[in-house]
Amino acid sequence: MNVADLKIKNLVEYKNQIYTITEIFQSVEKEYFVHIENDIQRISVPADSIKPIKITEEWLERLGFSRTFSSDQSIRYERPEAFIKYDIDLSSRKILEGLKIYGNAIKCRYIHEFQNIFSCLFGKDPSLHYGYLKTES
């Protein structure tokens, strides 16, 4: 992962487990590392060893989205904010898939990207359900 895309509190994957980034730092040798933690452990690893988490329907629900439309061609999820939507294109072309904010399509395939966009828009992190991340309001 590109360390420039990461922020504190981003969710990432490391060795098939979900972690929260708690610190990003550069070593004396100029390599980037991240402190990551979950309910089981807290570790430091090279930033290039962590992986992004792909947005799925399950993750959309954890991010506070609800399914509002479903057809043979697409599925739409919406958050309580009326202007944030996520469309899943069921066709092989995937032209319509992705995050929509005020009707504008935004490239957003991973959880950390959504967290960063949401944080920029609202000045806070999105609440994640099912105990993955508790955030301030």
N, C-alpha and C. Protein backbone atom coordinates (compact mmCIF):
# COMPACT_ATOMS: atom_id res chain seq x y z
N MET A 1 0.84 -1.19 0.00
CA MET A 1 0.00 0.00 0.00
C MET A 1 0.88 1.24 0.00
N ASN A 2 0.40 2.26 -0.63
CA ASN A 2 1.09 3.53 -0.66
C ASN A 2 0.87 4.24 0.67
N VAL A 3 1.93 4.51 1.40
CA VAL A 3 1.82 5.10 2.73
C VAL A 3 1.15 6.47 2.69
N ALA A 4 1.25 7.18 1.57
CA ALA A 4 0.62 8.50 1.44
C ALA A 4 -0.90 8.41 1.47
N ASP A 5 -1.46 7.23 1.22
CA ASP A 5 -2.92 7.05 1.23
C ASP A 5 -3.45 6.69 2.61
N LEU A 6 -2.57 6.52 3.58
CA LEU A 6 -2.99 6.03 4.90
C LEU A 6 -3.13 7.15 5.91
N LYS A 7 -4.06 6.92 6.85
CA LYS A 7 -4.29 7.82 7.97
C LYS A 7 -4.43 6.99 9.25
N ILE A 8 -4.21 7.63 10.37
CA ILE A 8 -4.48 7.00 11.65
C ILE A 8 -5.96 6.60 11.68
N LYS A 9 -6.30 5.47 12.20
CA LYS A 9 -7.63 4.87 12.33
C LYS A 9 -8.11 4.15 11.07
N ASN A 10 -7.30 4.16 9.99
CA ASN A 10 -7.68 3.37 8.81
C ASN A 10 -7.68 1.89 9.16
N LEU A 11 -8.63 1.18 8.60
CA LEU A 11 -8.67 -0.27 8.73
C LEU A 11 -7.90 -0.89 7.57
N VAL A 12 -7.05 -1.86 7.89
CA VAL A 12 -6.23 -2.54 6.90
C VAL A 12 -6.18 -4.02 7.23
N GLU A 13 -5.64 -4.79 6.29
CA GLU A 13 -5.48 -6.22 6.51
C GLU A 13 -4.00 -6.55 6.59
N TYR A 14 -3.67 -7.43 7.53
CA TYR A 14 -2.30 -7.93 7.66
C TYR A 14 -2.40 -9.39 8.08
N LYS A 15 -1.83 -10.26 7.27
CA LYS A 15 -1.87 -11.70 7.51
C LYS A 15 -3.29 -12.20 7.79
N ASN A 16 -4.22 -11.79 6.92
CA ASN A 16 -5.62 -12.21 6.95
C ASN A 16 -6.38 -11.79 8.20
N GLN A 17 -5.91 -10.77 8.88
CA GLN A 17 -6.62 -10.22 10.04
C GLN A 17 -6.83 -8.73 9.82
N ILE A 18 -7.88 -8.19 10.43
CA ILE A 18 -8.21 -6.77 10.31
C ILE A 18 -7.55 -6.02 11.47
N TYR A 19 -6.90 -4.91 11.12
CA TYR A 19 -6.22 -4.07 12.11
C TYR A 19 -6.60 -2.61 11.89
N THR A 20 -6.41 -1.82 12.93
CA THR A 20 -6.54 -0.37 12.86
C THR A 20 -5.15 0.23 12.93
N ILE A 21 -4.86 1.18 12.06
CA ILE A 21 -3.56 1.87 12.10
C ILE A 21 -3.58 2.85 13.27
N THR A 22 -2.57 2.78 14.12
CA THR A 22 -2.48 3.69 15.26
C THR A 22 -1.32 4.67 15.13
N GLU A 23 -0.36 4.36 14.25
CA GLU A 23 0.77 5.27 14.05
C GLU A 23 1.43 4.95 12.71
N ILE A 24 1.94 5.98 12.06
CA ILE A 24 2.70 5.83 10.82
C ILE A 24 4.03 6.54 11.05
N PHE A 25 5.13 5.85 10.79
CA PHE A 25 6.43 6.47 11.03
C PHE A 25 7.47 6.00 10.03
N GLN A 26 8.57 6.75 9.97
CA GLN A 26 9.65 6.45 9.05
C GLN A 26 10.87 6.05 9.87
N SER A 27 11.51 4.96 9.46
CA SER A 27 12.70 4.49 10.18
C SER A 27 13.92 5.33 9.78
N VAL A 28 15.02 5.08 10.47
CA VAL A 28 16.27 5.77 10.17
C VAL A 28 16.70 5.49 8.73
N GLU A 29 16.38 4.30 8.25
CA GLU A 29 16.72 3.92 6.87
C GLU A 29 15.73 4.49 5.85
N LYS A 30 14.81 5.32 6.30
CA LYS A 30 13.82 6.00 5.45
C LYS A 30 12.70 5.08 4.97
N GLU A 31 12.53 3.91 5.56
CA GLU A 31 11.41 3.03 5.23
C GLU A 31 10.23 3.39 6.12
N TYR A 32 9.02 3.24 5.58
CA TYR A 32 7.82 3.54 6.37
C TYR A 32 7.30 2.29 7.06
N PHE A 33 6.88 2.49 8.30
CA PHE A 33 6.29 1.44 9.11
C PHE A 33 4.98 1.94 9.68
N VAL A 34 4.13 1.00 10.09
CA VAL A 34 2.88 1.35 10.75
C VAL A 34 2.73 0.53 12.02
N HIS A 35 2.21 1.18 13.05
CA HIS A 35 1.76 0.45 14.23
C HIS A 35 0.31 0.10 13.93
N ILE A 36 -0.02 -1.16 14.09
CA ILE A 36 -1.39 -1.60 13.87
C ILE A 36 -1.84 -2.40 15.09
N GLU A 37 -3.15 -2.38 15.33
CA GLU A 37 -3.67 -3.14 16.47
C GLU A 37 -5.07 -3.64 16.19
N ASN A 38 -5.39 -4.71 16.89
CA ASN A 38 -6.77 -5.22 16.92
C ASN A 38 -7.01 -5.72 18.34
N ASP A 39 -8.08 -6.45 18.57
CA ASP A 39 -8.40 -6.90 19.92
C ASP A 39 -7.39 -7.93 20.45
N ILE A 40 -6.60 -8.50 19.56
CA ILE A 40 -5.68 -9.57 19.95
C ILE A 40 -4.25 -9.09 20.15
N GLN A 41 -3.78 -8.22 19.26
CA GLN A 41 -2.38 -7.81 19.34
C GLN A 41 -2.14 -6.40 18.82
N ARG A 42 -0.96 -5.88 19.17
CA ARG A 42 -0.48 -4.58 18.72
C ARG A 42 0.94 -4.81 18.21
N ILE A 43 1.18 -4.48 16.91
CA ILE A 43 2.48 -4.74 16.30
C ILE A 43 2.89 -3.61 15.38
N SER A 44 4.18 -3.58 15.04
CA SER A 44 4.72 -2.66 14.04
C SER A 44 5.17 -3.50 12.85
N VAL A 45 4.77 -3.07 11.65
CA VAL A 45 5.12 -3.79 10.43
C VAL A 45 5.47 -2.79 9.34
N PRO A 46 6.23 -3.23 8.32
CA PRO A 46 6.50 -2.34 7.19
C PRO A 46 5.18 -1.93 6.52
N ALA A 47 5.06 -0.68 6.14
CA ALA A 47 3.82 -0.19 5.53
C ALA A 47 3.49 -0.95 4.26
N ASP A 48 4.50 -1.39 3.53
CA ASP A 48 4.21 -2.10 2.28
C ASP A 48 3.77 -3.55 2.50
N SER A 49 3.71 -4.00 3.75
CA SER A 49 3.25 -5.37 4.03
C SER A 49 1.76 -5.44 4.37
N ILE A 50 1.11 -4.29 4.56
CA ILE A 50 -0.32 -4.31 4.84
C ILE A 50 -1.10 -4.21 3.53
N LYS A 51 -2.34 -4.67 3.57
CA LYS A 51 -3.18 -4.69 2.37
C LYS A 51 -4.47 -3.91 2.62
N PRO A 52 -5.02 -3.33 1.56
CA PRO A 52 -6.31 -2.65 1.70
C PRO A 52 -7.43 -3.68 1.81
N ILE A 53 -8.55 -3.27 2.39
CA ILE A 53 -9.73 -4.13 2.51
C ILE A 53 -10.71 -3.69 1.44
N LYS A 54 -11.07 -4.60 0.56
CA LYS A 54 -12.00 -4.29 -0.54
C LYS A 54 -13.41 -4.07 0.02
N ILE A 55 -14.09 -3.08 -0.52
CA ILE A 55 -15.47 -2.80 -0.11
C ILE A 55 -16.37 -3.91 -0.65
N THR A 56 -17.14 -4.51 0.25
CA THR A 56 -18.13 -5.54 -0.09
C THR A 56 -19.47 -5.11 0.48
N GLU A 57 -20.51 -5.86 0.18
CA GLU A 57 -21.82 -5.53 0.75
C GLU A 57 -21.78 -5.61 2.27
N GLU A 58 -21.11 -6.60 2.80
CA GLU A 58 -20.98 -6.74 4.26
C GLU A 58 -20.30 -5.51 4.86
N TRP A 59 -19.23 -5.05 4.21
CA TRP A 59 -18.52 -3.88 4.72
C TRP A 59 -19.36 -2.62 4.58
N LEU A 60 -20.13 -2.50 3.51
CA LEU A 60 -21.00 -1.33 3.37
C LEU A 60 -21.96 -1.24 4.55
N GLU A 61 -22.51 -2.37 4.96
CA GLU A 61 -23.41 -2.36 6.11
C GLU A 61 -22.67 -1.99 7.39
N ARG A 62 -21.45 -2.45 7.55
CA ARG A 62 -20.64 -2.08 8.71
C ARG A 62 -20.32 -0.59 8.71
N LEU A 63 -20.25 -0.01 7.51
CA LEU A 63 -19.97 1.42 7.37
C LEU A 63 -21.22 2.29 7.49
N GLY A 64 -22.34 1.69 7.84
CA GLY A 64 -23.57 2.45 8.07
C GLY A 64 -24.46 2.61 6.86
N PHE A 65 -24.17 1.90 5.77
CA PHE A 65 -25.02 1.94 4.59
C PHE A 65 -26.15 0.93 4.75
N SER A 66 -27.26 1.20 4.09
CA SER A 66 -28.39 0.27 4.02
C SER A 66 -28.74 0.04 2.56
N ARG A 67 -29.11 -1.18 2.23
CA ARG A 67 -29.52 -1.49 0.86
C ARG A 67 -30.86 -0.83 0.61
N THR A 68 -30.94 -0.01 -0.45
CA THR A 68 -32.18 0.70 -0.76
C THR A 68 -32.77 0.30 -2.11
N PHE A 69 -32.00 -0.38 -2.93
CA PHE A 69 -32.47 -0.77 -4.26
C PHE A 69 -31.71 -1.99 -4.72
N SER A 70 -32.43 -2.88 -5.42
CA SER A 70 -31.79 -4.07 -5.96
C SER A 70 -32.51 -4.49 -7.24
N SER A 71 -31.73 -4.79 -8.28
CA SER A 71 -32.28 -5.28 -9.53
C SER A 71 -31.30 -6.30 -10.11
N ASP A 72 -31.60 -6.79 -11.28
CA ASP A 72 -30.69 -7.72 -11.95
C ASP A 72 -29.41 -7.03 -12.39
N GLN A 73 -29.45 -5.71 -12.54
CA GLN A 73 -28.30 -4.96 -13.03
C GLN A 73 -27.46 -4.29 -11.94
N SER A 74 -28.11 -3.90 -10.85
CA SER A 74 -27.35 -3.15 -9.84
C SER A 74 -27.99 -3.25 -8.46
N ILE A 75 -27.18 -2.90 -7.48
CA ILE A 75 -27.62 -2.80 -6.08
C ILE A 75 -27.17 -1.43 -5.58
N ARG A 76 -28.04 -0.73 -4.89
CA ARG A 76 -27.69 0.58 -4.33
C ARG A 76 -27.74 0.52 -2.81
N TYR A 77 -26.71 1.10 -2.21
CA TYR A 77 -26.64 1.28 -0.76
C TYR A 77 -26.58 2.77 -0.48
N GLU A 78 -27.23 3.20 0.61
CA GLU A 78 -27.22 4.61 0.98
C GLU A 78 -26.94 4.74 2.47
N ARG A 79 -26.26 5.83 2.82
CA ARG A 79 -26.03 6.17 4.23
C ARG A 79 -27.13 7.11 4.68
N PRO A 80 -27.21 7.40 5.98
CA PRO A 80 -28.22 8.35 6.46
C PRO A 80 -28.11 9.73 5.80
N GLU A 81 -26.89 10.14 5.44
CA GLU A 81 -26.72 11.39 4.70
C GLU A 81 -27.26 11.13 3.29
N ALA A 82 -28.24 11.89 2.89
CA ALA A 82 -28.95 11.62 1.62
C ALA A 82 -28.06 11.71 0.39
N PHE A 83 -26.91 12.34 0.50
CA PHE A 83 -26.08 12.57 -0.68
C PHE A 83 -24.93 11.56 -0.82
N ILE A 84 -24.88 10.52 0.04
CA ILE A 84 -23.82 9.51 -0.06
C ILE A 84 -24.45 8.17 -0.42
N LYS A 85 -24.02 7.63 -1.57
CA LYS A 85 -24.55 6.36 -2.05
C LYS A 85 -23.39 5.49 -2.53
N TYR A 86 -23.63 4.21 -2.59
CA TYR A 86 -22.63 3.31 -3.18
C TYR A 86 -23.38 2.34 -4.07
N ASP A 87 -23.02 2.31 -5.34
CA ASP A 87 -23.67 1.43 -6.30
C ASP A 87 -22.77 0.24 -6.63
N ILE A 88 -23.38 -0.92 -6.66
CA ILE A 88 -22.69 -2.14 -7.08
C ILE A 88 -23.27 -2.53 -8.43
N ASP A 89 -22.44 -2.52 -9.44
CA ASP A 89 -22.84 -2.84 -10.81
C ASP A 89 -22.69 -4.35 -11.00
N LEU A 90 -23.78 -5.03 -11.25
CA LEU A 90 -23.75 -6.49 -11.39
C LEU A 90 -23.38 -6.94 -12.81
N SER A 91 -23.24 -5.99 -13.72
CA SER A 91 -22.82 -6.35 -15.08
C SER A 91 -21.32 -6.58 -15.10
N SER A 92 -20.83 -7.21 -16.12
CA SER A 92 -19.40 -7.49 -16.22
C SER A 92 -18.59 -6.22 -16.51
N ARG A 93 -19.25 -5.17 -17.00
CA ARG A 93 -18.54 -3.94 -17.36
C ARG A 93 -18.20 -3.06 -16.16
N LYS A 94 -18.97 -3.14 -15.09
CA LYS A 94 -18.72 -2.39 -13.85
C LYS A 94 -18.60 -0.88 -14.06
N ILE A 95 -19.30 -0.34 -15.05
CA ILE A 95 -19.21 1.08 -15.36
C ILE A 95 -19.83 1.94 -14.26
N LEU A 96 -20.92 1.48 -13.67
CA LEU A 96 -21.66 2.29 -12.70
C LEU A 96 -21.26 2.04 -11.25
N GLU A 97 -20.28 1.19 -11.01
CA GLU A 97 -19.95 0.80 -9.64
C GLU A 97 -19.13 1.86 -8.93
N GLY A 98 -19.44 2.08 -7.66
CA GLY A 98 -18.62 2.95 -6.84
C GLY A 98 -19.40 3.93 -6.00
N LEU A 99 -18.66 4.76 -5.29
CA LEU A 99 -19.19 5.75 -4.38
C LEU A 99 -19.73 6.94 -5.16
N LYS A 100 -20.89 7.43 -4.73
CA LYS A 100 -21.49 8.62 -5.33
C LYS A 100 -21.73 9.63 -4.20
N ILE A 101 -21.18 10.82 -4.37
CA ILE A 101 -21.39 11.89 -3.40
C ILE A 101 -21.94 13.09 -4.17
N TYR A 102 -23.11 13.56 -3.77
CA TYR A 102 -23.81 14.62 -4.50
C TYR A 102 -23.90 14.29 -5.99
N GLY A 103 -24.09 13.01 -6.31
CA GLY A 103 -24.24 12.59 -7.70
C GLY A 103 -22.94 12.43 -8.47
N ASN A 104 -21.83 12.76 -7.85
CA ASN A 104 -20.52 12.62 -8.51
C ASN A 104 -19.90 11.27 -8.17
N ALA A 105 -19.43 10.58 -9.19
CA ALA A 105 -18.77 9.29 -8.98
C ALA A 105 -17.35 9.52 -8.48
N ILE A 106 -16.99 8.79 -7.43
CA ILE A 106 -15.66 8.91 -6.84
C ILE A 106 -15.05 7.52 -6.78
N LYS A 107 -13.84 7.39 -7.28
CA LYS A 107 -13.16 6.10 -7.23
C LYS A 107 -12.91 5.74 -5.77
N CYS A 108 -13.51 4.67 -5.34
CA CYS A 108 -13.41 4.27 -3.93
C CYS A 108 -13.68 2.77 -3.86
N ARG A 109 -12.63 1.98 -3.87
CA ARG A 109 -12.80 0.52 -3.86
C ARG A 109 -12.44 -0.10 -2.51
N TYR A 110 -11.80 0.67 -1.64
CA TYR A 110 -11.30 0.11 -0.39
C TYR A 110 -11.82 0.88 0.82
N ILE A 111 -11.87 0.19 1.95
CA ILE A 111 -12.37 0.76 3.20
C ILE A 111 -11.59 2.00 3.59
N HIS A 112 -10.26 1.97 3.54
CA HIS A 112 -9.48 3.14 3.97
C HIS A 112 -9.77 4.35 3.10
N GLU A 113 -10.07 4.14 1.81
CA GLU A 113 -10.41 5.27 0.94
C GLU A 113 -11.72 5.90 1.39
N PHE A 114 -12.72 5.07 1.70
CA PHE A 114 -13.98 5.62 2.18
C PHE A 114 -13.78 6.35 3.51
N GLN A 115 -13.00 5.76 4.42
CA GLN A 115 -12.74 6.41 5.70
C GLN A 115 -12.11 7.79 5.49
N ASN A 116 -11.15 7.89 4.58
CA ASN A 116 -10.47 9.16 4.32
C ASN A 116 -11.41 10.19 3.69
N ILE A 117 -12.22 9.77 2.73
CA ILE A 117 -13.18 10.68 2.09
C ILE A 117 -14.18 11.19 3.12
N PHE A 118 -14.74 10.28 3.93
CA PHE A 118 -15.72 10.64 4.94
C PHE A 118 -15.12 11.62 5.94
N SER A 119 -13.90 11.33 6.37
CA SER A 119 -13.22 12.19 7.33
C SER A 119 -13.00 13.59 6.77
N CYS A 120 -12.64 13.68 5.50
CA CYS A 120 -12.45 14.99 4.87
C CYS A 120 -13.77 15.76 4.77
N LEU A 121 -14.86 15.07 4.46
CA LEU A 121 -16.16 15.72 4.31
C LEU A 121 -16.74 16.19 5.63
N PHE A 122 -16.63 15.35 6.67
CA PHE A 122 -17.34 15.61 7.91
C PHE A 122 -16.45 15.93 9.11
N GLY A 123 -15.13 15.80 8.95
CA GLY A 123 -14.22 16.09 10.06
C GLY A 123 -14.24 15.05 11.16
N LYS A 124 -14.78 13.87 10.86
CA LYS A 124 -14.80 12.77 11.83
C LYS A 124 -14.79 11.46 11.06
N ASP A 125 -14.50 10.40 11.77
CA ASP A 125 -14.46 9.08 11.13
C ASP A 125 -15.86 8.49 11.07
N PRO A 126 -16.13 7.66 10.07
CA PRO A 126 -17.44 7.00 10.01
C PRO A 126 -17.55 5.97 11.11
N SER A 127 -18.74 5.80 11.64
CA SER A 127 -18.97 4.76 12.64
C SER A 127 -19.04 3.42 11.93
N LEU A 128 -18.35 2.46 12.47
CA LEU A 128 -18.42 1.11 11.94
C LEU A 128 -19.16 0.25 12.94
N HIS A 129 -20.07 -0.55 12.44
CA HIS A 129 -20.91 -1.39 13.29
C HIS A 129 -20.28 -2.76 13.50
N TYR A 130 -20.80 -3.51 14.40
CA TYR A 130 -20.35 -4.86 14.76
C TYR A 130 -19.00 -4.86 15.45
N GLY A 131 -18.68 -3.77 16.14
CA GLY A 131 -17.49 -3.77 16.97
C GLY A 131 -16.17 -3.59 16.27
N TYR A 132 -16.15 -3.27 14.98
CA TYR A 132 -14.87 -3.13 14.30
C TYR A 132 -14.17 -1.84 14.64
N LEU A 133 -14.90 -0.77 14.85
CA LEU A 133 -14.27 0.49 15.15
C LEU A 133 -15.28 1.40 15.82
N LYS A 134 -14.92 1.91 16.95
CA LYS A 134 -15.78 2.87 17.64
C LYS A 134 -15.20 4.26 17.37
N THR A 135 -16.03 5.21 16.99
CA THR A 135 -15.53 6.53 16.68
C THR A 135 -16.29 7.60 17.45
N GLU A 136 -15.65 8.74 17.53
CA GLU A 136 -16.29 9.88 18.18
C GLU A 136 -17.35 10.46 17.26
N SER A 137 -18.33 11.10 17.84
CA SER A 137 -19.37 11.77 17.04
C SER A 137 -19.04 13.22 16.88
